[in-house]
Amino acid sequence: MRILHVDTGVQMRGGQRQVLLLMDSLRHAHHKCVLLARKDRPLWQAAIAAGFETHPAGLTALWRHSIQADIVHVHDAHAHTLAAIGSRQRFVVSRRVAFPIGRSVLSCWKYRRAGRYLAVSRFVARQLIEAGISESRIDVVYDAVMPGDASGDWRPQYPAVGLASADPQKGRDLLVQAADLAKIDLVLSEDLVHDLRRASMFVYLTRSEGLGSAALLAMSMGVPVIASRVGGLPEIVENGVSGLLVENDPGEVAAAMRHLFEDHNLTRRVIQNARANVRAHFSENNLVTATLASYRRALAH
């Protein structure tokens, strides 16, 4: 199968990393992947470095390259708009974000055009259904995470790690307050893979979340996770089993941080369960199998 992927993201965030992982996984399964992306941006550069045929994203390019594809897979809102206008083949849409869908005439038209939706979580799927999209056109396709490079045995003397993101939807302000209350050292990370190798815990606070690929990364690396009880995060973190879920309250977050810091039996049990959960439900094989099944359903109609 020849798949044309379209992602117009400017930064290299979780969604763009998933595009690369998916394309690489599909290539290993003997499918041809071509990418339209913003020229010279991180995803463009990474895709070229990985050996993928890559072209500048735009309406003209989509019109020209889509006719050669068996299916088009768009990965962000702007790419969805481009495909609705200019795709010459059936297209599917990955929906990762947790905010509601607009109800304007243009939005309704755009969302009717897609063959299928690949929702990153059951939470996102419910939002699509609430916006009037038939459940029969939606597949839940979870993110995948490669087996992480664990640092070895868990060490409580390492600092807690959180995201350095300035996005107001992320809870950086809450995290700083909570770490101060808990009296636990905190690293605000811009390189999670590096910083999680020396982390006592990963604290992922957010006000809106489709799934939580950063939390999955930490779980795969053997780092215990504390996460906000919002969006799709409860689908990957089972409270008290594979991590701790909290309300976005600094006092409650601080208490959870102290709990992991002080109860070593709980922490080691959480680490073991989390890694098992990632292997069982968020593997590369599961991602490819579910994605290809969605493509086939889209092409069958």
C-alpha atoms as a PDB file:
ATOM      1  CA  MET A   1       0.000   0.000   0.000  1.00  0.00           C
ATOM      2  CA  ARG A   2       1.200   3.528  -0.781  1.00  0.00           C
ATOM      3  CA  ILE A   3       0.241   6.022   1.943  1.00  0.00           C
ATOM      4  CA  LEU A   4       0.579   9.797   1.648  1.00  0.00           C
ATOM      5  CA  HIS A   5       1.000  11.339   5.104  1.00  0.00           C
ATOM      6  CA  VAL A   6       0.391  15.054   5.640  1.00  0.00           C
ATOM      7  CA  ASP A   7       1.492  16.955   8.751  1.00  0.00           C
ATOM      8  CA  THR A   8       1.892  20.736   8.788  1.00  0.00           C
ATOM      9  CA  GLY A   9       3.185  21.089  12.361  1.00  0.00           C
ATOM     10  CA  VAL A  10       5.884  23.686  12.921  1.00  0.00           C
ATOM     11  CA  GLN A  11       7.467  22.055  15.965  1.00  0.00           C
ATOM     12  CA  MET A  12       8.556  18.510  16.762  1.00  0.00           C
ATOM     13  CA  ARG A  13       5.952  17.612  19.348  1.00  0.00           C
ATOM     14  CA  GLY A  14       4.289  14.345  20.339  1.00  0.00           C
ATOM     15  CA  GLY A  15       2.107  14.247  17.227  1.00  0.00           C
ATOM     16  CA  GLN A  16       5.036  14.669  14.865  1.00  0.00           C
ATOM     17  CA  ARG A  17       7.014  11.969  16.677  1.00  0.00           C
ATOM     18  CA  GLN A  18       4.054   9.635  16.253  1.00  0.00           C
ATOM     19  CA  VAL A  19       3.960  10.394  12.507  1.00  0.00           C
ATOM     20  CA  LEU A  20       7.597   9.346  12.208  1.00  0.00           C
ATOM     21  CA  LEU A  21       7.074   6.229  14.311  1.00  0.00           C
ATOM     22  CA  LEU A  22       4.015   5.234  12.294  1.00  0.00           C
ATOM     23  CA  MET A  23       5.762   5.742   8.960  1.00  0.00           C
ATOM     24  CA  ASP A  24       8.762   3.741  10.115  1.00  0.00           C
ATOM     25  CA  SER A  25       6.522   0.944  11.397  1.00  0.00           C
ATOM     26  CA  LEU A  26       4.542   0.866   8.144  1.00  0.00           C
ATOM     27  CA  ARG A  27       7.779   0.750   6.166  1.00  0.00           C
ATOM     28  CA  HIS A  28       8.894  -2.282   8.183  1.00  0.00           C
ATOM     29  CA  ALA A  29       5.548  -3.868   7.277  1.00  0.00           C
ATOM     30  CA  HIS A  30       6.446  -3.321   3.573  1.00  0.00           C
ATOM     31  CA  HIS A  31       4.226  -0.320   2.864  1.00  0.00           C
ATOM     32  CA  LYS A  32       5.405   2.797   1.025  1.00  0.00           C
ATOM     33  CA  CYS A  33       5.089   6.087   2.958  1.00  0.00           C
ATOM     34  CA  VAL A  34       5.450   9.558   1.455  1.00  0.00           C
ATOM     35  CA  LEU A  35       5.286  12.705   3.593  1.00  0.00           C
ATOM     36  CA  LEU A  36       4.125  16.261   2.972  1.00  0.00           C
ATOM     37  CA  ALA A  37       5.477  18.542   5.712  1.00  0.00           C
ATOM     38  CA  ARG A  38       6.609  22.112   6.274  1.00  0.00           C
ATOM     39  CA  LYS A  39       9.922  22.582   4.496  1.00  0.00           C
ATOM     40  CA  ASP A  40      13.014  22.714   6.714  1.00  0.00           C
ATOM     41  CA  ARG A  41      11.004  22.257   9.905  1.00  0.00           C
ATOM     42  CA  PRO A  42      11.962  19.496  12.376  1.00  0.00           C
ATOM     43  CA  LEU A  43       9.588  16.849  11.008  1.00  0.00           C
ATOM     44  CA  TRP A  44      10.739  17.539   7.445  1.00  0.00           C
ATOM     45  CA  GLN A  45      14.385  17.211   8.497  1.00  0.00           C
ATOM     46  CA  ALA A  46      13.806  14.068  10.542  1.00  0.00           C
ATOM     47  CA  ALA A  47      11.847  12.365   7.753  1.00  0.00           C
ATOM     48  CA  ILE A  48      14.541  13.076   5.181  1.00  0.00           C
ATOM     49  CA  ALA A  49      17.211  11.833   7.593  1.00  0.00           C
ATOM     50  CA  ALA A  50      15.189   8.630   8.015  1.00  0.00           C
ATOM     51  CA  GLY A  51      15.097   8.126   4.238  1.00  0.00           C
ATOM     52  CA  PHE A  52      11.457   8.983   3.534  1.00  0.00           C
ATOM     53  CA  GLU A  53      10.339  10.674   0.325  1.00  0.00           C
ATOM     54  CA  THR A  54       9.350  14.122   1.576  1.00  0.00           C
ATOM     55  CA  HIS A  55       7.791  17.138  -0.159  1.00  0.00           C
ATOM     56  CA  PRO A  56       6.657  20.613   0.974  1.00  0.00           C
ATOM     57  CA  ALA A  57       3.106  20.581   2.302  1.00  0.00           C
ATOM     58  CA  GLY A  58       0.579  22.624   0.367  1.00  0.00           C
ATOM     59  CA  LEU A  59      -2.572  22.362  -1.687  1.00  0.00           C
ATOM     60  CA  THR A  60      -0.737  21.960  -5.001  1.00  0.00           C
ATOM     61  CA  ALA A  61       1.539  19.251  -3.626  1.00  0.00           C
ATOM     62  CA  LEU A  62      -1.406  17.419  -2.099  1.00  0.00           C
ATOM     63  CA  TRP A  63      -3.299  17.528  -5.403  1.00  0.00           C
ATOM     64  CA  ARG A  64      -0.257  16.229  -7.302  1.00  0.00           C
ATOM     65  CA  HIS A  65       0.868  13.475  -4.909  1.00  0.00           C
ATOM     66  CA  SER A  66      -2.488  12.212  -3.653  1.00  0.00           C
ATOM     67  CA  ILE A  67      -3.422  10.696  -6.994  1.00  0.00           C
ATOM     68  CA  GLN A  68      -0.453   8.319  -6.684  1.00  0.00           C
ATOM     69  CA  ALA A  69      -1.480   7.143  -3.203  1.00  0.00           C
ATOM     70  CA  ASP A  70      -3.836   4.365  -2.203  1.00  0.00           C
ATOM     71  CA  ILE A  71      -4.920   6.463   0.767  1.00  0.00           C
ATOM     72  CA  VAL A  72      -4.081   9.829   2.335  1.00  0.00           C
ATOM     73  CA  HIS A  73      -3.534  10.125   6.104  1.00  0.00           C
ATOM     74  CA  VAL A  74      -3.649  13.636   7.574  1.00  0.00           C
ATOM     75  CA  HIS A  75      -2.347  14.329  11.055  1.00  0.00           C
ATOM     76  CA  ASP A  76      -3.366  17.868  12.062  1.00  0.00           C
ATOM     77  CA  ALA A  77      -6.165  20.382  11.578  1.00  0.00           C
ATOM     78  CA  HIS A  78      -4.564  22.365   8.749  1.00  0.00           C
ATOM     79  CA  ALA A  79      -3.689  19.162   6.894  1.00  0.00           C
ATOM     80  CA  HIS A  80      -7.324  18.100   7.319  1.00  0.00           C
ATOM     81  CA  THR A  81      -8.456  21.313   5.625  1.00  0.00           C
ATOM     82  CA  LEU A  82      -6.011  20.800   2.756  1.00  0.00           C
ATOM     83  CA  ALA A  83      -7.224  17.229   2.236  1.00  0.00           C
ATOM     84  CA  ALA A  84     -10.888  18.246   2.351  1.00  0.00           C
ATOM     85  CA  ILE A  85     -10.222  20.685  -0.488  1.00  0.00           C
ATOM     86  CA  GLY A  86      -7.582  18.986  -2.580  1.00  0.00           C
ATOM     87  CA  SER A  87      -7.169  15.260  -1.952  1.00  0.00           C
ATOM     88  CA  ARG A  88      -7.810  13.139  -5.031  1.00  0.00           C
ATOM     89  CA  GLN A  89      -8.020   9.941  -2.985  1.00  0.00           C
ATOM     90  CA  ARG A  90      -9.968   8.936   0.080  1.00  0.00           C
ATOM     91  CA  PHE A  91      -8.385  10.334   3.227  1.00  0.00           C
ATOM     92  CA  VAL A  92      -8.425   9.536   6.937  1.00  0.00           C
ATOM     93  CA  VAL A  93      -7.782  11.923   9.825  1.00  0.00           C
ATOM     94  CA  SER A  94      -5.850  11.367  13.037  1.00  0.00           C
ATOM     95  CA  ARG A  95      -7.528  13.330  15.829  1.00  0.00           C
ATOM     96  CA  ARG A  96      -5.208  13.866  18.800  1.00  0.00           C
ATOM     97  CA  VAL A  97      -6.431  17.014  20.517  1.00  0.00           C
ATOM     98  CA  ALA A  98      -8.881  17.215  23.405  1.00  0.00           C
ATOM     99  CA  PHE A  99     -10.714  20.427  22.622  1.00  0.00           C
ATOM    100  CA  PRO A 100     -14.260  20.325  21.160  1.00  0.00           C
ATOM    101  CA  ILE A 101     -14.930  20.475  17.431  1.00  0.00           C
ATOM    102  CA  GLY A 102     -16.365  23.667  15.952  1.00  0.00           C
ATOM    103  CA  ARG A 103     -19.939  23.672  14.668  1.00  0.00           C
ATOM    104  CA  SER A 104     -19.603  26.214  11.838  1.00  0.00           C
ATOM    105  CA  VAL A 105     -20.832  25.381   8.329  1.00  0.00           C
ATOM    106  CA  LEU A 106     -17.235  25.141   7.100  1.00  0.00           C
ATOM    107  CA  SER A 107     -16.219  22.856   9.965  1.00  0.00           C
ATOM    108  CA  CYS A 108     -19.204  20.560   9.410  1.00  0.00           C
ATOM    109  CA  TRP A 109     -18.373  20.345   5.704  1.00  0.00           C
ATOM    110  CA  LYS A 110     -14.727  19.538   6.419  1.00  0.00           C
ATOM    111  CA  TYR A 111     -15.564  16.803   8.924  1.00  0.00           C
ATOM    112  CA  ARG A 112     -18.033  15.163   6.518  1.00  0.00           C
ATOM    113  CA  ARG A 113     -15.314  14.818   3.888  1.00  0.00           C
ATOM    114  CA  ALA A 114     -13.046  12.381   5.739  1.00  0.00           C
ATOM    115  CA  GLY A 115     -13.338   8.649   5.140  1.00  0.00           C
ATOM    116  CA  ARG A 116     -12.576   7.746   8.756  1.00  0.00           C
ATOM    117  CA  TYR A 117     -11.225   9.179  11.980  1.00  0.00           C
ATOM    118  CA  LEU A 118      -8.412   7.669  14.001  1.00  0.00           C
ATOM    119  CA  ALA A 119      -9.043   8.963  17.528  1.00  0.00           C
ATOM    120  CA  VAL A 120      -6.052   8.828  19.844  1.00  0.00           C
ATOM    121  CA  SER A 121      -8.243   7.826  22.814  1.00  0.00           C
ATOM    122  CA  ARG A 122     -11.793   6.898  23.747  1.00  0.00           C
ATOM    123  CA  PHE A 123     -12.107  10.395  25.206  1.00  0.00           C
ATOM    124  CA  VAL A 124     -11.328  11.977  21.823  1.00  0.00           C
ATOM    125  CA  ALA A 125     -13.677   9.513  20.107  1.00  0.00           C
ATOM    126  CA  ARG A 126     -16.518  10.674  22.376  1.00  0.00           C
ATOM    127  CA  GLN A 127     -15.836  14.262  21.377  1.00  0.00           C
ATOM    128  CA  LEU A 128     -16.122  13.323  17.715  1.00  0.00           C
ATOM    129  CA  ILE A 129     -19.421  11.563  18.384  1.00  0.00           C
ATOM    130  CA  GLU A 130     -20.719  14.600  20.308  1.00  0.00           C
ATOM    131  CA  ALA A 131     -19.877  16.729  17.260  1.00  0.00           C
ATOM    132  CA  GLY A 132     -22.201  14.588  15.151  1.00  0.00           C
ATOM    133  CA  ILE A 133     -19.750  12.154  13.557  1.00  0.00           C
ATOM    134  CA  SER A 134     -21.101   8.633  13.348  1.00  0.00           C
ATOM    135  CA  GLU A 135     -19.440   6.160  15.686  1.00  0.00           C
ATOM    136  CA  SER A 136     -19.198   3.795  12.718  1.00  0.00           C
ATOM    137  CA  ARG A 137     -16.623   6.155  11.135  1.00  0.00           C
ATOM    138  CA  ILE A 138     -14.330   6.285  14.175  1.00  0.00           C
ATOM    139  CA  ASP A 139     -11.523   3.961  15.237  1.00  0.00           C
ATOM    140  CA  VAL A 140      -9.600   4.354  18.489  1.00  0.00           C
ATOM    141  CA  VAL A 141      -5.919   4.005  17.607  1.00  0.00           C
ATOM    142  CA  TYR A 142      -3.628   4.528  20.573  1.00  0.00           C
ATOM    143  CA  ASP A 143      -0.156   6.003  20.320  1.00  0.00           C
ATOM    144  CA  ALA A 144       2.808   3.663  20.412  1.00  0.00           C
ATOM    145  CA  VAL A 145       5.998   4.042  22.370  1.00  0.00           C
ATOM    146  CA  MET A 146       9.211   2.196  21.689  1.00  0.00           C
ATOM    147  CA  PRO A 147      10.650   0.246  24.640  1.00  0.00           C
ATOM    148  CA  GLY A 148      12.377   2.872  26.738  1.00  0.00           C
ATOM    149  CA  ASP A 149      15.984   3.018  27.822  1.00  0.00           C
ATOM    150  CA  ALA A 150      15.511   2.457  31.546  1.00  0.00           C
ATOM    151  CA  SER A 151      18.174   3.798  33.879  1.00  0.00           C
ATOM    152  CA  GLY A 152      18.059   0.663  36.060  1.00  0.00           C
ATOM    153  CA  ASP A 153      16.732   0.458  39.583  1.00  0.00           C
ATOM    154  CA  TRP A 154      14.489   3.312  40.700  1.00  0.00           C
ATOM    155  CA  ARG A 155      16.313   5.890  42.807  1.00  0.00           C
ATOM    156  CA  PRO A 156      14.355   8.299  45.028  1.00  0.00           C
ATOM    157  CA  GLN A 157      17.297  10.693  45.266  1.00  0.00           C
ATOM    158  CA  TYR A 158      16.831  11.691  41.616  1.00  0.00           C
ATOM    159  CA  PRO A 159      14.715  14.825  40.998  1.00  0.00           C
ATOM    160  CA  ALA A 160      11.126  14.838  39.805  1.00  0.00           C
ATOM    161  CA  VAL A 161      10.786  15.723  36.119  1.00  0.00           C
ATOM    162  CA  GLY A 162       8.058  17.739  34.414  1.00  0.00           C
ATOM    163  CA  LEU A 163       7.641  19.444  31.061  1.00  0.00           C
ATOM    164  CA  ALA A 164       9.210  22.851  30.447  1.00  0.00           C
ATOM    165  CA  SER A 165       6.329  23.763  28.107  1.00  0.00           C
ATOM    166  CA  ALA A 166       5.043  27.338  28.303  1.00  0.00           C
ATOM    167  CA  ASP A 167       1.695  26.226  26.821  1.00  0.00           C
ATOM    168  CA  PRO A 168      -0.962  27.636  29.185  1.00  0.00           C
ATOM    169  CA  GLN A 169      -2.916  24.378  28.848  1.00  0.00           C
ATOM    170  CA  LYS A 170      -0.016  22.554  30.467  1.00  0.00           C
ATOM    171  CA  GLY A 171       0.241  22.800  34.229  1.00  0.00           C
ATOM    172  CA  ARG A 172       3.765  24.100  34.650  1.00  0.00           C
ATOM    173  CA  ASP A 173       2.606  26.686  37.205  1.00  0.00           C
ATOM    174  CA  LEU A 174       0.826  24.012  39.265  1.00  0.00           C
ATOM    175  CA  LEU A 175       3.830  21.704  39.110  1.00  0.00           C
ATOM    176  CA  VAL A 176       6.271  24.314  40.389  1.00  0.00           C
ATOM    177  CA  GLN A 177       3.955  25.058  43.326  1.00  0.00           C
ATOM    178  CA  ALA A 178       3.489  21.354  44.093  1.00  0.00           C
ATOM    179  CA  ALA A 179       7.218  20.562  44.039  1.00  0.00           C
ATOM    180  CA  ASP A 180       7.845  23.467  46.403  1.00  0.00           C
ATOM    181  CA  LEU A 181       5.148  22.206  48.784  1.00  0.00           C
ATOM    182  CA  ALA A 182       6.508  18.641  48.612  1.00  0.00           C
ATOM    183  CA  LYS A 183      10.092  19.862  49.051  1.00  0.00           C
ATOM    184  CA  ILE A 184      11.203  17.686  46.127  1.00  0.00           C
ATOM    185  CA  ASP A 185      13.765  18.862  43.565  1.00  0.00           C
ATOM    186  CA  LEU A 186      12.232  19.499  40.151  1.00  0.00           C
ATOM    187  CA  VAL A 187      13.691  19.516  36.635  1.00  0.00           C
ATOM    188  CA  LEU A 188      11.597  21.196  33.923  1.00  0.00           C
ATOM    189  CA  SER A 189      12.672  19.229  30.895  1.00  0.00           C
ATOM    190  CA  GLU A 190      13.113  20.193  27.264  1.00  0.00           C
ATOM    191  CA  ASP A 191      14.667  16.787  26.488  1.00  0.00           C
ATOM    192  CA  LEU A 192      12.543  14.102  28.127  1.00  0.00           C
ATOM    193  CA  VAL A 193      14.497  11.100  26.878  1.00  0.00           C
ATOM    194  CA  HIS A 194      17.643  12.509  28.456  1.00  0.00           C
ATOM    195  CA  ASP A 195      16.137  13.759  31.719  1.00  0.00           C
ATOM    196  CA  LEU A 196      13.947  10.722  32.403  1.00  0.00           C
ATOM    197  CA  ARG A 197      17.078   8.583  32.689  1.00  0.00           C
ATOM    198  CA  ARG A 198      17.717  10.297  36.025  1.00  0.00           C
ATOM    199  CA  ALA A 199      14.193  10.924  37.331  1.00  0.00           C
ATOM    200  CA  SER A 200      12.515   9.772  40.524  1.00  0.00           C
ATOM    201  CA  MET A 201       9.097  10.457  38.958  1.00  0.00           C
ATOM    202  CA  PHE A 202       7.454  12.155  35.993  1.00  0.00           C
ATOM    203  CA  VAL A 203       4.702  14.599  36.911  1.00  0.00           C
ATOM    204  CA  TYR A 204       2.463  15.392  33.947  1.00  0.00           C
ATOM    205  CA  LEU A 205      -0.010  18.139  34.766  1.00  0.00           C
ATOM    206  CA  THR A 206      -2.270  19.465  32.052  1.00  0.00           C
ATOM    207  CA  ARG A 207      -5.645  21.118  31.673  1.00  0.00           C
ATOM    208  CA  SER A 208      -6.381  19.397  28.358  1.00  0.00           C
ATOM    209  CA  GLU A 209      -5.013  16.140  26.951  1.00  0.00           C
ATOM    210  CA  GLY A 210      -5.990  13.800  24.140  1.00  0.00           C
ATOM    211  CA  LEU A 211      -3.911  10.900  25.462  1.00  0.00           C
ATOM    212  CA  GLY A 212      -0.463  11.717  26.896  1.00  0.00           C
ATOM    213  CA  SER A 213       2.468  10.400  24.860  1.00  0.00           C
ATOM    214  CA  ALA A 214       4.967  11.954  27.300  1.00  0.00           C
ATOM    215  CA  ALA A 215       3.472   9.907  30.131  1.00  0.00           C
ATOM    216  CA  LEU A 216       3.715   6.774  27.984  1.00  0.00           C
ATOM    217  CA  LEU A 217       7.387   7.488  27.362  1.00  0.00           C
ATOM    218  CA  ALA A 218       8.067   7.790  31.083  1.00  0.00           C
ATOM    219  CA  MET A 219       6.156   4.579  31.806  1.00  0.00           C
ATOM    220  CA  SER A 220       8.163   2.710  29.176  1.00  0.00           C
ATOM    221  CA  MET A 221      11.400   3.953  30.761  1.00  0.00           C
ATOM    222  CA  GLY A 222      10.538   2.705  34.222  1.00  0.00           C
ATOM    223  CA  VAL A 223       9.753   6.118  35.695  1.00  0.00           C
ATOM    224  CA  PRO A 224       6.636   6.331  37.911  1.00  0.00           C
ATOM    225  CA  VAL A 225       4.009   8.761  36.645  1.00  0.00           C
ATOM    226  CA  ILE A 226       1.722  11.230  38.375  1.00  0.00           C
ATOM    227  CA  ALA A 227      -0.806  12.671  35.911  1.00  0.00           C
ATOM    228  CA  SER A 228      -3.815  14.961  35.829  1.00  0.00           C
ATOM    229  CA  ARG A 229      -7.168  13.206  35.865  1.00  0.00           C
ATOM    230  CA  VAL A 230      -8.235  14.804  32.560  1.00  0.00           C
ATOM    231  CA  GLY A 231      -8.923  13.820  28.955  1.00  0.00           C
ATOM    232  CA  GLY A 232      -7.402  10.543  27.820  1.00  0.00           C
ATOM    233  CA  LEU A 233      -4.845  10.226  30.619  1.00  0.00           C
ATOM    234  CA  PRO A 234      -7.022   7.865  32.724  1.00  0.00           C
ATOM    235  CA  GLU A 235      -6.921   5.475  29.754  1.00  0.00           C
ATOM    236  CA  ILE A 236      -3.182   4.959  30.188  1.00  0.00           C
ATOM    237  CA  VAL A 237      -2.732   5.531  33.939  1.00  0.00           C
ATOM    238  CA  GLU A 238      -4.770   3.377  36.312  1.00  0.00           C
ATOM    239  CA  ASN A 239      -4.762   5.179  39.648  1.00  0.00           C
ATOM    240  CA  GLY A 240      -2.766   3.315  42.284  1.00  0.00           C
ATOM    241  CA  VAL A 241      -1.883   0.536  39.834  1.00  0.00           C
ATOM    242  CA  SER A 242       0.207   1.926  36.958  1.00  0.00           C
ATOM    243  CA  GLY A 243       0.568   5.466  38.277  1.00  0.00           C
ATOM    244  CA  LEU A 244      -1.219   8.112  40.316  1.00  0.00           C
ATOM    245  CA  LEU A 245      -4.005  10.364  39.027  1.00  0.00           C
ATOM    246  CA  VAL A 246      -4.581  13.750  40.651  1.00  0.00           C
ATOM    247  CA  GLU A 247      -6.794  16.781  40.372  1.00  0.00           C
ATOM    248  CA  ASN A 248      -5.038  19.948  39.258  1.00  0.00           C
ATOM    249  CA  ASP A 249      -4.541  21.141  42.818  1.00  0.00           C
ATOM    250  CA  PRO A 250      -0.990  21.873  44.058  1.00  0.00           C
ATOM    251  CA  GLY A 251      -1.674  20.379  47.496  1.00  0.00           C
ATOM    252  CA  GLU A 252      -3.015  17.104  46.057  1.00  0.00           C
ATOM    253  CA  VAL A 253      -0.132  16.890  43.587  1.00  0.00           C
ATOM    254  CA  ALA A 254       2.395  17.515  46.376  1.00  0.00           C
ATOM    255  CA  ALA A 255       0.837  14.751  48.470  1.00  0.00           C
ATOM    256  CA  ALA A 256       1.088  12.322  45.540  1.00  0.00           C
ATOM    257  CA  MET A 257       4.735  13.253  45.004  1.00  0.00           C
ATOM    258  CA  ARG A 258       5.524  12.589  48.658  1.00  0.00           C
ATOM    259  CA  HIS A 259       3.608   9.296  48.460  1.00  0.00           C
ATOM    260  CA  LEU A 260       5.808   8.018  45.627  1.00  0.00           C
ATOM    261  CA  PHE A 261       8.918   9.369  47.324  1.00  0.00           C
ATOM    262  CA  GLU A 262       8.206   7.670  50.643  1.00  0.00           C
ATOM    263  CA  ASP A 263       6.395   4.419  49.725  1.00  0.00           C
ATOM    264  CA  HIS A 264       9.039   2.493  47.818  1.00  0.00           C
ATOM    265  CA  ASN A 265       6.957  -0.680  47.551  1.00  0.00           C
ATOM    266  CA  LEU A 266       4.129   1.239  45.883  1.00  0.00           C
ATOM    267  CA  THR A 267       6.540   2.971  43.539  1.00  0.00           C
ATOM    268  CA  ARG A 268       8.232  -0.222  42.388  1.00  0.00           C
ATOM    269  CA  ARG A 269       4.843  -1.909  41.899  1.00  0.00           C
ATOM    270  CA  VAL A 270       3.622   1.057  39.824  1.00  0.00           C
ATOM    271  CA  ILE A 271       6.758   0.903  37.665  1.00  0.00           C
ATOM    272  CA  GLN A 272       6.299  -2.806  36.961  1.00  0.00           C
ATOM    273  CA  ASN A 273       2.594  -2.480  36.141  1.00  0.00           C
ATOM    274  CA  ALA A 274       3.144   0.574  33.941  1.00  0.00           C
ATOM    275  CA  ARG A 275       5.765  -1.094  31.792  1.00  0.00           C
ATOM    276  CA  ALA A 276       3.529  -4.151  31.385  1.00  0.00           C
ATOM    277  CA  ASN A 277       0.637  -1.903  30.357  1.00  0.00           C
ATOM    278  CA  VAL A 278       2.747  -0.157  27.723  1.00  0.00           C
ATOM    279  CA  ARG A 279       3.935  -3.462  26.278  1.00  0.00           C
ATOM    280  CA  ALA A 280       0.393  -4.833  26.131  1.00  0.00           C
ATOM    281  CA  HIS A 281      -1.524  -1.861  24.740  1.00  0.00           C
ATOM    282  CA  PHE A 282       0.814   0.781  23.314  1.00  0.00           C
ATOM    283  CA  SER A 283       3.210  -1.212  21.167  1.00  0.00           C
ATOM    284  CA  GLU A 284       4.419  -0.532  17.643  1.00  0.00           C
ATOM    285  CA  ASN A 285       2.663  -3.694  16.460  1.00  0.00           C
ATOM    286  CA  ASN A 286      -0.679  -2.574  17.934  1.00  0.00           C
ATOM    287  CA  LEU A 287      -0.312   0.835  16.257  1.00  0.00           C
ATOM    288  CA  VAL A 288       0.365  -0.629  12.811  1.00  0.00           C
ATOM    289  CA  THR A 289      -2.351  -3.284  13.059  1.00  0.00           C
ATOM    290  CA  ALA A 290      -5.014  -0.797  14.153  1.00  0.00           C
ATOM    291  CA  THR A 291      -3.971   1.814  11.573  1.00  0.00           C
ATOM    292  CA  LEU A 292      -4.015  -0.626   8.659  1.00  0.00           C
ATOM    293  CA  ALA A 293      -7.418  -1.926   9.760  1.00  0.00           C
ATOM    294  CA  SER A 294      -8.738   1.633   9.702  1.00  0.00           C
ATOM    295  CA  TYR A 295      -7.297   2.199   6.211  1.00  0.00           C
ATOM    296  CA  ARG A 296      -9.042  -0.933   4.954  1.00  0.00           C
ATOM    297  CA  ARG A 297     -12.366   0.148   6.441  1.00  0.00           C
ATOM    298  CA  ALA A 298     -12.020   3.553   4.784  1.00  0.00           C
ATOM    299  CA  LEU A 299     -11.220   2.020   1.392  1.00  0.00           C
ATOM    300  CA  ALA A 300     -14.105  -0.450   1.629  1.00  0.00           C
ATOM    301  CA  HIS A 301     -16.713   2.350   1.467  1.00  0.00           C
END
